[in-house]
Amino acid sequence: MMHMTFYWGKEATILIDSWKTDSWASYVLSLLACLVVAAFYQYLENRRIRMKLFAAERRPPPEIRAPLMRWRVAGYEAKLGVKFAEAVLFGVNSAIGYLLMLAIMSFNGGVFVAIVVGLTFGYFLFRREGEDSALIVDNSCACS
């Protein structure tokens, strides 16, 4: 039976039918896994933001940005590699964010608390002061 309201207890089904907790040990390990994945989500978000900031710092001055200069073509290839890496990080981060959202939709109070604490702990560990205000993040997920 799937719960449609928050409940507290050690019996929970998280994400897939085979991830069921029926003992306190499996429940606590599942909560720990949710916490670690939520903190890892913040770590990946930090890496993506830092990569975007790094790419923004390497722009040539406006007087050198002539479209027909030879070095500009080589710079475009490097920029394309960074853009591809950003896209991969964004995809992985989005997938983890949606999986966290689906885990919360198990409606187990412990899972909810573990994910929120993991996101908070990850934000505290991996985000730097002023980093978010220096860059507008184009994240479509609500959990960043």
Protein backbone atom coordinates (compact mmCIF):
# COMPACT_ATOMS: atom_id res chain seq x y z
CA MET A 1 0.00 0.00 0.00
CA MET A 2 1.34 3.43 -0.91
CA HIS A 3 0.93 6.19 1.62
CA MET A 4 -0.53 9.48 0.46
CA THR A 5 0.31 11.43 3.62
CA PHE A 6 3.46 11.68 5.71
CA TYR A 7 3.95 8.82 8.11
CA TRP A 8 6.66 7.82 10.56
CA GLY A 9 7.91 4.28 10.77
CA LYS A 10 10.63 1.88 9.73
CA GLU A 11 8.63 0.28 6.90
CA ALA A 12 9.24 2.28 3.74
CA THR A 13 9.57 1.65 0.03
CA ILE A 14 12.09 4.05 -1.48
CA LEU A 15 12.20 4.59 -5.26
CA ILE A 16 11.81 0.93 -6.33
CA ASP A 17 9.91 -2.09 -5.01
CA SER A 18 13.09 -3.95 -4.11
CA TRP A 19 14.30 -1.11 -1.84
CA LYS A 20 12.07 -1.84 1.12
CA THR A 21 13.03 -1.37 4.72
CA ASP A 22 11.59 -3.75 7.28
CA SER A 23 14.06 -3.49 10.16
CA TRP A 24 15.60 -0.57 11.99
CA ALA A 25 19.05 -1.41 10.61
CA SER A 26 17.90 -1.30 6.98
CA TYR A 27 15.87 1.84 7.67
CA VAL A 28 18.81 3.69 9.23
CA LEU A 29 21.14 2.60 6.40
CA SER A 30 18.57 3.80 3.84
CA LEU A 31 18.29 7.15 5.61
CA LEU A 32 22.08 7.43 5.64
CA ALA A 33 22.17 6.65 1.90
CA CYS A 34 19.55 9.36 1.24
CA LEU A 35 21.56 11.85 3.31
CA VAL A 36 24.80 11.07 1.45
CA VAL A 37 23.16 11.31 -1.98
CA ALA A 38 21.58 14.65 -1.04
CA ALA A 39 24.97 16.00 0.08
CA PHE A 40 26.53 14.65 -3.14
CA TYR A 41 23.88 16.57 -5.09
CA GLN A 42 25.13 19.80 -3.51
CA TYR A 43 28.73 18.82 -4.26
CA LEU A 44 27.94 18.33 -7.96
CA GLU A 45 26.05 21.61 -8.04
CA ASN A 46 29.13 23.31 -6.58
CA ARG A 47 31.37 21.72 -9.22
CA ARG A 48 29.02 22.90 -11.98
CA ILE A 49 28.92 26.46 -10.62
CA ARG A 50 32.70 26.58 -10.27
CA MET A 51 33.14 25.28 -13.82
CA LYS A 52 30.81 27.97 -15.10
CA LEU A 53 32.70 30.65 -13.17
CA PHE A 54 36.04 29.32 -14.45
CA ALA A 55 34.78 29.42 -18.05
CA ALA A 56 33.52 32.98 -17.57
CA GLU A 57 36.94 34.15 -16.33
CA ARG A 58 38.75 32.87 -19.41
CA ARG A 59 37.01 35.13 -21.92
CA PRO A 60 39.33 37.25 -24.04
CA PRO A 61 39.13 41.05 -23.85
CA PRO A 62 36.57 42.65 -26.25
CA GLU A 63 39.22 44.09 -28.59
CA ILE A 64 40.64 40.59 -29.20
CA ARG A 65 37.31 38.88 -29.88
CA ALA A 66 37.49 39.36 -33.64
CA PRO A 67 35.61 36.44 -35.27
CA LEU A 68 38.25 35.72 -37.94
CA MET A 69 41.31 35.48 -35.71
CA ARG A 70 43.05 32.10 -35.80
CA TRP A 71 43.30 31.53 -32.04
CA ARG A 72 39.57 32.11 -31.66
CA VAL A 73 38.86 28.81 -33.45
CA ALA A 74 41.04 26.88 -30.98
CA GLY A 75 39.40 28.73 -28.10
CA TYR A 76 35.99 27.73 -29.42
CA GLU A 77 36.94 24.05 -29.27
CA ALA A 78 38.07 24.43 -25.67
CA LYS A 79 34.89 26.32 -24.86
CA LEU A 80 32.85 23.56 -26.50
CA GLY A 81 34.55 20.97 -24.25
CA VAL A 82 33.71 23.00 -21.14
CA LYS A 83 30.14 23.45 -22.37
CA PHE A 84 29.83 19.69 -22.91
CA ALA A 85 31.19 18.99 -19.42
CA GLU A 86 28.73 21.51 -17.98
CA ALA A 87 25.89 19.81 -19.83
CA VAL A 88 26.88 16.36 -18.52
CA LEU A 89 27.12 17.70 -14.96
CA PHE A 90 23.74 19.39 -15.36
CA GLY A 91 22.18 16.14 -16.61
CA VAL A 92 23.61 14.05 -13.78
CA ASN A 93 22.68 16.69 -11.21
CA SER A 94 19.14 16.94 -12.57
CA ALA A 95 18.74 13.15 -12.48
CA ILE A 96 19.91 13.02 -8.87
CA GLY A 97 17.59 15.91 -7.97
CA TYR A 98 14.58 14.17 -9.47
CA LEU A 99 15.49 10.89 -7.75
CA LEU A 100 15.67 12.74 -4.44
CA MET A 101 12.26 14.22 -5.14
CA LEU A 102 10.86 10.77 -5.90
CA ALA A 103 12.40 9.40 -2.71
CA ILE A 104 10.63 12.12 -0.73
CA MET A 105 7.42 11.03 -2.44
CA SER A 106 7.61 7.81 -0.44
CA PHE A 107 5.99 10.10 2.17
CA ASN A 108 8.14 8.68 4.95
CA GLY A 109 9.00 11.41 7.45
CA GLY A 110 12.46 10.01 8.10
CA VAL A 111 13.33 9.99 4.40
CA PHE A 112 12.14 13.59 4.10
CA VAL A 113 14.21 14.71 7.08
CA ALA A 114 17.29 12.79 5.91
CA ILE A 115 17.19 14.39 2.46
CA VAL A 116 16.63 17.91 3.81
CA VAL A 117 19.47 17.45 6.33
CA GLY A 118 21.71 16.07 3.56
CA LEU A 119 20.97 19.04 1.29
CA THR A 120 21.62 21.43 4.19
CA PHE A 121 24.83 19.66 5.20
CA GLY A 122 26.04 19.58 1.57
CA TYR A 123 25.24 23.25 1.11
CA PHE A 124 27.18 24.08 4.28
CA LEU A 125 30.20 22.00 3.23
CA PHE A 126 30.44 22.69 -0.48
CA ARG A 127 29.02 26.12 -1.22
CA ARG A 128 31.15 29.22 -0.75
CA GLU A 129 29.93 32.55 0.49
CA GLY A 130 29.02 34.87 -2.36
CA GLU A 131 29.42 32.16 -5.00
CA ASP A 132 25.71 31.90 -5.71
CA SER A 133 25.24 35.65 -6.01
CA ALA A 134 28.10 35.91 -8.51
CA LEU A 135 26.33 33.66 -10.96
CA ILE A 136 22.73 33.13 -11.90
CA VAL A 137 22.27 29.38 -12.04
CA ASP A 138 20.00 28.05 -14.77
CA ASN A 139 18.80 25.10 -12.72
CA SER A 140 15.27 23.98 -13.48
CA CYS A 141 15.10 21.78 -10.37
CA ALA A 142 13.52 23.18 -7.26
CA CYS A 143 15.97 21.42 -4.97
CA SER A 144 19.13 23.47 -5.45
